[in-house]
Amino acid sequence: MKPEIERQVASFPDGPGVYIFLDSAGRALYVGKAARLRTRVRSYLRPGGDGRPLLRFVEREAASVEFVAVATEQEALLLENTIIKKRK
């Protein structure tokens, strides 16, 4: 992962929320939810990412990552779904 993404993730809260990996043009590459944002997104920073081969393109293509913090995991699930539908 790029150093810029590592810097961004360091400031993420460790509560529930939704994260969005973006390419250099600002297009969403991947939207995900997490009970612990910082911990989850950091899992992508390890060599080999989180182990899912389908997400290796995120490691190559991501230029930045954004998040939206929420109060509960249930809110994260609903927000993730809403963001995915809006970005289609």
Protein backbone atom coordinates (compact mmCIF):
# COMPACT_ATOMS: atom_id res chain seq x y z
CA MET A 1 0.00 0.00 0.00
CA LYS A 2 1.08 3.55 -0.59
CA PRO A 3 2.54 5.58 2.30
CA GLU A 4 -0.28 8.13 1.95
CA ILE A 5 -2.83 5.43 2.72
CA GLU A 6 -0.85 4.31 5.75
CA ARG A 7 -0.85 7.90 7.05
CA GLN A 8 -4.60 8.20 6.48
CA VAL A 9 -5.36 4.94 8.27
CA ALA A 10 -3.32 5.97 11.31
CA SER A 11 -5.93 8.67 12.01
CA PHE A 12 -8.96 6.38 11.62
CA PRO A 13 -11.04 5.71 14.72
CA ASP A 14 -11.19 2.11 15.92
CA GLY A 15 -14.97 2.01 16.21
CA PRO A 16 -17.56 0.87 13.67
CA GLY A 17 -17.87 2.42 10.24
CA VAL A 18 -17.53 2.17 6.49
CA TYR A 19 -14.33 2.59 4.48
CA ILE A 20 -13.90 3.38 0.80
CA PHE A 21 -10.73 2.79 -1.18
CA LEU A 22 -10.46 5.29 -4.04
CA ASP A 23 -8.33 5.35 -7.17
CA SER A 24 -6.36 8.41 -8.31
CA ALA A 25 -9.46 9.77 -10.11
CA GLY A 26 -11.55 9.53 -6.94
CA ARG A 27 -13.57 6.53 -8.11
CA ALA A 28 -14.53 3.94 -5.52
CA LEU A 29 -12.60 0.69 -5.92
CA TYR A 30 -13.95 -1.05 -2.86
CA VAL A 31 -16.47 -0.26 -0.12
CA GLY A 32 -16.43 -2.23 3.10
CA LYS A 33 -17.76 -2.13 6.63
CA ALA A 34 -15.97 -2.84 9.88
CA ALA A 35 -16.68 -3.17 13.57
CA ARG A 36 -13.19 -1.70 14.11
CA LEU A 37 -12.27 0.60 11.23
CA ARG A 38 -8.57 1.16 11.88
CA THR A 39 -7.91 -2.51 12.60
CA ARG A 40 -9.81 -3.68 9.53
CA VAL A 41 -8.28 -1.24 7.07
CA ARG A 42 -4.80 -1.94 8.46
CA SER A 43 -5.33 -5.59 7.53
CA TYR A 44 -5.08 -4.48 3.89
CA LEU A 45 -1.68 -2.90 4.55
CA ARG A 46 0.02 -6.19 5.42
CA PRO A 47 1.88 -8.00 2.63
CA GLY A 48 -0.72 -10.02 0.74
CA GLY A 49 -3.53 -7.85 2.07
CA ASP A 50 -6.24 -9.66 3.97
CA GLY A 51 -5.63 -12.87 2.04
CA ARG A 52 -8.46 -12.55 -0.46
CA PRO A 53 -7.01 -12.75 -3.99
CA LEU A 54 -9.92 -10.79 -5.46
CA LEU A 55 -8.92 -7.71 -3.47
CA ARG A 56 -5.28 -7.58 -4.53
CA PHE A 57 -6.27 -4.96 -7.12
CA VAL A 58 -7.02 -2.61 -4.21
CA GLU A 59 -3.39 -2.79 -3.14
CA ARG A 60 -2.25 -1.90 -6.67
CA GLU A 61 -4.84 0.72 -7.60
CA ALA A 62 -5.82 2.54 -4.39
CA ALA A 63 -4.59 6.12 -4.10
CA SER A 64 -6.49 7.00 -0.93
CA VAL A 65 -8.99 5.70 1.59
CA GLU A 66 -11.89 7.48 3.29
CA PHE A 67 -14.13 6.50 6.17
CA VAL A 68 -17.45 7.32 7.74
CA ALA A 69 -17.66 6.50 11.45
CA VAL A 70 -20.99 5.37 12.87
CA ALA A 71 -22.27 4.42 16.31
CA THR A 72 -23.07 0.74 15.74
CA GLU A 73 -22.18 -2.19 13.50
CA GLN A 74 -25.78 -2.27 12.31
CA GLU A 75 -25.48 1.34 11.10
CA ALA A 76 -22.27 0.39 9.31
CA LEU A 77 -24.07 -2.41 7.47
CA LEU A 78 -26.87 -0.10 6.35
CA LEU A 79 -24.49 2.67 5.33
CA GLU A 80 -22.27 0.29 3.35
CA ASN A 81 -25.29 -0.89 1.40
CA THR A 82 -26.43 2.69 0.73
CA ILE A 83 -22.99 3.80 -0.47
CA ILE A 84 -22.64 0.81 -2.79
CA LYS A 85 -26.06 1.46 -4.34
CA LYS A 86 -25.33 5.18 -4.84
CA ARG A 87 -21.97 4.54 -6.49
CA LYS A 88 -23.27 2.06 -9.07
